[in-house]
């Protein structure tokens, strides 16, 4: 995609994501809002890398 804007992501999912039921992504606020706006009831899963990174950051602070 050309950018990470909510409008761009939402437009893409509305056009090409009709059969998508599960989305694995980083927990970017704009991504999450776009997915929820474009899809009926998606299952949103934080990807392993970002999940582990957030846990690590919380542990070292």
PDB file of N, CA and C in Angstrom:
ATOM      1  N   UNK A   1       0.834  -1.173   0.000  1.00  0.00           N
ATOM      2  CA  UNK A   1       0.000   0.000   0.000  1.00  0.00           C
ATOM      3  C   UNK A   1       0.882   1.241   0.000  1.00  0.00           C
ATOM      4  N   UNK A   2       0.394   2.309  -0.544  1.00  0.00           N
ATOM      5  CA  UNK A   2       1.221   3.508  -0.661  1.00  0.00           C
ATOM      6  C   UNK A   2       1.507   4.212   0.665  1.00  0.00           C
ATOM      7  N   UNK A   3       0.646   4.010   1.673  1.00  0.00           N
ATOM      8  CA  UNK A   3       0.872   4.651   2.974  1.00  0.00           C
ATOM      9  C   UNK A   3       0.125   3.885   4.057  1.00  0.00           C
ATOM     10  N   UNK A   4       0.247   4.344   5.298  1.00  0.00           N
ATOM     11  CA  UNK A   4      -0.366   3.664   6.441  1.00  0.00           C
ATOM     12  C   UNK A   4      -1.598   4.411   6.968  1.00  0.00           C
ATOM     13  N   UNK A   5      -2.161   5.270   6.165  1.00  0.00           N
ATOM     14  CA  UNK A   5      -3.312   6.067   6.606  1.00  0.00           C
ATOM     15  C   UNK A   5      -4.557   5.199   6.718  1.00  0.00           C
ATOM     16  N   UNK A   6      -5.382   5.556   7.689  1.00  0.00           N
ATOM     17  CA  UNK A   6      -6.618   4.814   7.950  1.00  0.00           C
ATOM     18  C   UNK A   6      -7.491   4.740   6.693  1.00  0.00           C
ATOM     19  N   UNK A   7      -7.625   5.838   6.004  1.00  0.00           N
ATOM     20  CA  UNK A   7      -8.477   5.889   4.813  1.00  0.00           C
ATOM     21  C   UNK A   7      -7.988   4.928   3.725  1.00  0.00           C
ATOM     22  N   UNK A   8      -6.679   4.874   3.512  1.00  0.00           N
ATOM     23  CA  UNK A   8      -6.093   3.993   2.496  1.00  0.00           C
ATOM     24  C   UNK A   8      -6.325   2.533   2.849  1.00  0.00           C
ATOM     25  N   UNK A   9      -6.080   2.182   4.091  1.00  0.00           N
ATOM     26  CA  UNK A   9      -6.238   0.797   4.541  1.00  0.00           C
ATOM     27  C   UNK A   9      -7.698   0.377   4.481  1.00  0.00           C
ATOM     28  N   UNK A  10      -8.570   1.225   4.968  1.00  0.00           N
ATOM     29  CA  UNK A  10      -9.992   0.920   4.965  1.00  0.00           C
ATOM     30  C   UNK A  10     -10.508   0.738   3.542  1.00  0.00           C
ATOM     31  N   UNK A  11     -10.093   1.608   2.632  1.00  0.00           N
ATOM     32  CA  UNK A  11     -10.523   1.513   1.239  1.00  0.00           C
ATOM     33  C   UNK A  11     -10.059   0.182   0.625  1.00  0.00           C
ATOM     34  N   UNK A  12      -8.820  -0.193   0.897  1.00  0.00           N
ATOM     35  CA  UNK A  12      -8.282  -1.450   0.374  1.00  0.00           C
ATOM     36  C   UNK A  12      -9.080  -2.640   0.899  1.00  0.00           C
ATOM     37  N   UNK A  13      -9.343  -2.667   2.200  1.00  0.00           N
ATOM     38  CA  UNK A  13     -10.068  -3.800   2.785  1.00  0.00           C
ATOM     39  C   UNK A  13     -11.507  -3.873   2.296  1.00  0.00           C
ATOM     40  N   UNK A  14     -12.140  -2.745   2.125  1.00  0.00           N
ATOM     41  CA  UNK A  14     -13.515  -2.751   1.611  1.00  0.00           C
ATOM     42  C   UNK A  14     -13.555  -3.297   0.186  1.00  0.00           C
ATOM     43  N   UNK A  15     -12.518  -2.985  -0.595  1.00  0.00           N
ATOM     44  CA  UNK A  15     -12.474  -3.423  -1.986  1.00  0.00           C
ATOM     45  C   UNK A  15     -12.013  -4.876  -2.128  1.00  0.00           C
ATOM     46  N   UNK A  16     -10.943  -5.252  -1.432  1.00  0.00           N
ATOM     47  CA  UNK A  16     -10.299  -6.547  -1.657  1.00  0.00           C
ATOM     48  C   UNK A  16     -10.317  -7.488  -0.450  1.00  0.00           C
ATOM     49  N   UNK A  17     -10.966  -7.113   0.624  1.00  0.00           N
ATOM     50  CA  UNK A  17     -10.900  -7.937   1.819  1.00  0.00           C
ATOM     51  C   UNK A  17     -12.215  -8.583   2.225  1.00  0.00           C
ATOM     52  N   UNK A  18     -13.100  -8.801   1.292  1.00  0.00           N
ATOM     53  CA  UNK A  18     -14.429  -9.326   1.608  1.00  0.00           C
ATOM     54  C   UNK A  18     -14.403 -10.695   2.294  1.00  0.00           C
ATOM     55  N   UNK A  19     -13.447 -11.540   1.925  1.00  0.00           N
ATOM     56  CA  UNK A  19     -13.389 -12.890   2.486  1.00  0.00           C
ATOM     57  C   UNK A  19     -12.491 -12.991   3.724  1.00  0.00           C
ATOM     58  N   UNK A  20     -11.885 -11.889   4.124  1.00  0.00           N
ATOM     59  CA  UNK A  20     -10.961 -11.899   5.263  1.00  0.00           C
ATOM     60  C   UNK A  20     -11.745 -11.974   6.571  1.00  0.00           C
ATOM     61  N   UNK A  21     -11.370 -12.906   7.432  1.00  0.00           N
ATOM     62  CA  UNK A  21     -12.010 -13.049   8.737  1.00  0.00           C
ATOM     63  C   UNK A  21     -11.045 -12.751   9.879  1.00  0.00           C
ATOM     64  N   UNK A  22      -9.747 -12.964   9.626  1.00  0.00           N
ATOM     65  CA  UNK A  22      -8.728 -12.779  10.650  1.00  0.00           C
ATOM     66  C   UNK A  22      -7.636 -11.871  10.115  1.00  0.00           C
ATOM     67  N   UNK A  23      -7.225 -10.904  10.942  1.00  0.00           N
ATOM     68  CA  UNK A  23      -6.170  -9.976  10.552  1.00  0.00           C
ATOM     69  C   UNK A  23      -5.054 -10.056  11.586  1.00  0.00           C
ATOM     70  N   UNK A  24      -3.845 -10.367  11.122  1.00  0.00           N
ATOM     71  CA  UNK A  24      -2.678 -10.386  11.992  1.00  0.00           C
ATOM     72  C   UNK A  24      -1.857  -9.158  11.641  1.00  0.00           C
ATOM     73  N   UNK A  25      -1.604  -8.303  12.643  1.00  0.00           N
ATOM     74  CA  UNK A  25      -0.976  -7.018  12.350  1.00  0.00           C
ATOM     75  C   UNK A  25      -0.280  -6.471  13.574  1.00  0.00           C
ATOM     76  N   UNK A  26       0.540  -5.427  13.343  1.00  0.00           N
ATOM     77  CA  UNK A  26       1.033  -4.708  14.506  1.00  0.00           C
ATOM     78  C   UNK A  26      -0.173  -3.947  15.063  1.00  0.00           C
ATOM     79  N   UNK A  27      -0.074  -3.449  16.226  1.00  0.00           N
ATOM     80  CA  UNK A  27      -1.254  -2.842  16.839  1.00  0.00           C
ATOM     81  C   UNK A  27      -1.320  -1.334  16.604  1.00  0.00           C
ATOM     82  N   UNK A  28      -0.940  -0.927  15.415  1.00  0.00           N
ATOM     83  CA  UNK A  28      -1.059   0.464  15.016  1.00  0.00           C
ATOM     84  C   UNK A  28      -2.510   0.905  15.188  1.00  0.00           C
ATOM     85  N   UNK A  29      -2.685   2.034  15.827  1.00  0.00           N
ATOM     86  CA  UNK A  29      -4.039   2.543  16.073  1.00  0.00           C
ATOM     87  C   UNK A  29      -4.791   2.759  14.760  1.00  0.00           C
ATOM     88  N   UNK A  30      -4.114   3.332  13.754  1.00  0.00           N
ATOM     89  CA  UNK A  30      -4.797   3.592  12.480  1.00  0.00           C
ATOM     90  C   UNK A  30      -5.154   2.292  11.764  1.00  0.00           C
ATOM     91  N   UNK A  31      -4.273   1.282  11.821  1.00  0.00           N
ATOM     92  CA  UNK A  31      -4.603  -0.014  11.220  1.00  0.00           C
ATOM     93  C   UNK A  31      -5.827  -0.617  11.888  1.00  0.00           C
ATOM     94  N   UNK A  32      -5.823  -0.603  13.204  1.00  0.00           N
ATOM     95  CA  UNK A  32      -6.925  -1.211  13.961  1.00  0.00           C
ATOM     96  C   UNK A  32      -8.256  -0.516  13.644  1.00  0.00           C
ATOM     97  N   UNK A  33      -8.258   0.803  13.614  1.00  0.00           N
ATOM     98  CA  UNK A  33      -9.485   1.541  13.283  1.00  0.00           C
ATOM     99  C   UNK A  33      -9.949   1.238  11.859  1.00  0.00           C
ATOM    100  N   UNK A  34      -9.009   1.176  10.931  1.00  0.00           N
ATOM    101  CA  UNK A  34      -9.359   0.907   9.534  1.00  0.00           C
ATOM    102  C   UNK A  34      -9.952  -0.482   9.374  1.00  0.00           C
ATOM    103  N   UNK A  35      -9.368  -1.463  10.032  1.00  0.00           N
ATOM    104  CA  UNK A  35      -9.869  -2.838   9.946  1.00  0.00           C
ATOM    105  C   UNK A  35     -11.273  -2.916  10.528  1.00  0.00           C
ATOM    106  N   UNK A  36     -11.471  -2.313  11.666  1.00  0.00           N
ATOM    107  CA  UNK A  36     -12.813  -2.342  12.282  1.00  0.00           C
ATOM    108  C   UNK A  36     -13.841  -1.604  11.435  1.00  0.00           C
ATOM    109  N   UNK A  37     -13.439  -0.539  10.783  1.00  0.00           N
ATOM    110  CA  UNK A  37     -14.358   0.227   9.943  1.00  0.00           C
ATOM    111  C   UNK A  37     -14.730  -0.538   8.674  1.00  0.00           C
ATOM    112  N   UNK A  38     -13.772  -1.241   8.103  1.00  0.00           N
ATOM    113  CA  UNK A  38     -13.978  -1.884   6.807  1.00  0.00           C
ATOM    114  C   UNK A  38     -14.618  -3.260   6.897  1.00  0.00           C
ATOM    115  N   UNK A  39     -14.462  -3.918   8.030  1.00  0.00           N
ATOM    116  CA  UNK A  39     -14.918  -5.297   8.137  1.00  0.00           C
ATOM    117  C   UNK A  39     -15.991  -5.432   9.208  1.00  0.00           C
ATOM    118  N   UNK A  40     -16.810  -6.441   9.062  1.00  0.00           N
ATOM    119  CA  UNK A  40     -17.930  -6.631   9.975  1.00  0.00           C
ATOM    120  C   UNK A  40     -17.463  -6.928  11.402  1.00  0.00           C
ATOM    121  N   UNK A  41     -16.869  -8.066  11.626  1.00  0.00           N
ATOM    122  CA  UNK A  41     -16.393  -8.440  12.962  1.00  0.00           C
ATOM    123  C   UNK A  41     -15.079  -9.209  12.832  1.00  0.00           C
ATOM    124  N   UNK A  42     -14.014  -8.508  12.506  1.00  0.00           N
ATOM    125  CA  UNK A  42     -12.745  -9.214  12.287  1.00  0.00           C
ATOM    126  C   UNK A  42     -12.131  -9.702  13.595  1.00  0.00           C
ATOM    127  N   UNK A  43     -11.422 -10.791  13.506  1.00  0.00           N
ATOM    128  CA  UNK A  43     -10.604 -11.247  14.614  1.00  0.00           C
ATOM    129  C   UNK A  43      -9.243 -10.600  14.400  1.00  0.00           C
ATOM    130  N   UNK A  44      -8.846  -9.713  15.318  1.00  0.00           N
ATOM    131  CA  UNK A  44      -7.584  -8.998  15.200  1.00  0.00           C
ATOM    132  C   UNK A  44      -6.584  -9.626  16.157  1.00  0.00           C
ATOM    133  N   UNK A  45      -5.444 -10.038  15.592  1.00  0.00           N
ATOM    134  CA  UNK A  45      -4.403 -10.690  16.379  1.00  0.00           C
ATOM    135  C   UNK A  45      -3.116  -9.882  16.249  1.00  0.00           C
ATOM    136  N   UNK A  46      -2.488  -9.587  17.392  1.00  0.00           N
ATOM    137  CA  UNK A  46      -1.202  -8.892  17.364  1.00  0.00           C
ATOM    138  C   UNK A  46      -0.142  -9.865  16.867  1.00  0.00           C
ATOM    139  N   UNK A  47       0.690  -9.413  15.923  1.00  0.00           N
ATOM    140  CA  UNK A  47       1.718 -10.302  15.407  1.00  0.00           C
ATOM    141  C   UNK A  47       2.748 -10.597  16.497  1.00  0.00           C
ATOM    142  N   UNK A  48       3.407 -11.727  16.378  1.00  0.00           N
ATOM    143  CA  UNK A  48       4.324 -12.220  17.408  1.00  0.00           C
ATOM    144  C   UNK A  48       5.462 -11.247  17.689  1.00  0.00           C
ATOM    145  N   UNK A  49       6.037 -10.668  16.650  1.00  0.00           N
ATOM    146  CA  UNK A  49       7.162  -9.764  16.848  1.00  0.00           C
ATOM    147  C   UNK A  49       6.773  -8.587  17.728  1.00  0.00           C
ATOM    148  N   UNK A  50       5.689  -7.911  17.382  1.00  0.00           N
ATOM    149  CA  UNK A  50       5.297  -6.728  18.140  1.00  0.00           C
ATOM    150  C   UNK A  50       4.809  -7.098  19.534  1.00  0.00           C
ATOM    151  N   UNK A  51       4.129  -8.218  19.662  1.00  0.00           N
ATOM    152  CA  UNK A  51       3.682  -8.675  20.975  1.00  0.00           C
ATOM    153  C   UNK A  51       4.879  -8.889  21.899  1.00  0.00           C
ATOM    154  N   UNK A  52       5.899  -9.588  21.408  1.00  0.00           N
ATOM    155  CA  UNK A  52       7.108  -9.837  22.212  1.00  0.00           C
ATOM    156  C   UNK A  52       7.849  -8.541  22.513  1.00  0.00           C
ATOM    157  N   UNK A  53       7.883  -7.644  21.552  1.00  0.00           N
ATOM    158  CA  UNK A  53       8.572  -6.368  21.758  1.00  0.00           C
ATOM    159  C   UNK A  53       7.899  -5.569  22.872  1.00  0.00           C
ATOM    160  N   UNK A  54       6.568  -5.519  22.880  1.00  0.00           N
ATOM    161  CA  UNK A  54       5.870  -4.770  23.921  1.00  0.00           C
ATOM    162  C   UNK A  54       6.114  -5.384  25.300  1.00  0.00           C
ATOM    163  N   UNK A  55       6.125  -6.699  25.375  1.00  0.00           N
ATOM    164  CA  UNK A  55       6.409  -7.374  26.642  1.00  0.00           C
ATOM    165  C   UNK A  55       7.829  -7.041  27.096  1.00  0.00           C
ATOM    166  N   UNK A  56       8.778  -7.090  26.173  1.00  0.00           N
ATOM    167  CA  UNK A  56      10.169  -6.787  26.506  1.00  0.00           C
ATOM    168  C   UNK A  56      10.308  -5.340  26.993  1.00  0.00           C
ATOM    169  N   UNK A  57       9.696  -4.408  26.290  1.00  0.00           N
ATOM    170  CA  UNK A  57       9.766  -3.004  26.704  1.00  0.00           C
ATOM    171  C   UNK A  57       9.187  -2.825  28.106  1.00  0.00           C
ATOM    172  N   UNK A  58       8.093  -3.498  28.409  1.00  0.00           N
ATOM    173  CA  UNK A  58       7.502  -3.394  29.735  1.00  0.00           C
ATOM    174  C   UNK A  58       8.395  -3.988  30.804  1.00  0.00           C
ATOM    175  N   UNK A  59       9.132  -5.021  30.445  1.00  0.00           N
ATOM    176  CA  UNK A  59       9.998  -5.688  31.408  1.00  0.00           C
ATOM    177  C   UNK A  59      11.238  -4.871  31.731  1.00  0.00           C
ATOM    178  N   UNK A  60      11.806  -4.176  30.735  1.00  0.00           N
ATOM    179  CA  UNK A  60      13.040  -3.436  30.962  1.00  0.00           C
ATOM    180  C   UNK A  60      12.808  -2.076  31.589  1.00  0.00           C
ATOM    181  N   UNK A  61      11.610  -1.629  31.688  1.00  0.00           N
ATOM    182  CA  UNK A  61      11.341  -0.299  32.267  1.00  0.00           C
ATOM    183  C   UNK A  61      11.240  -0.367  33.726  1.00  0.00           C
TER     184      UNK A  61
END
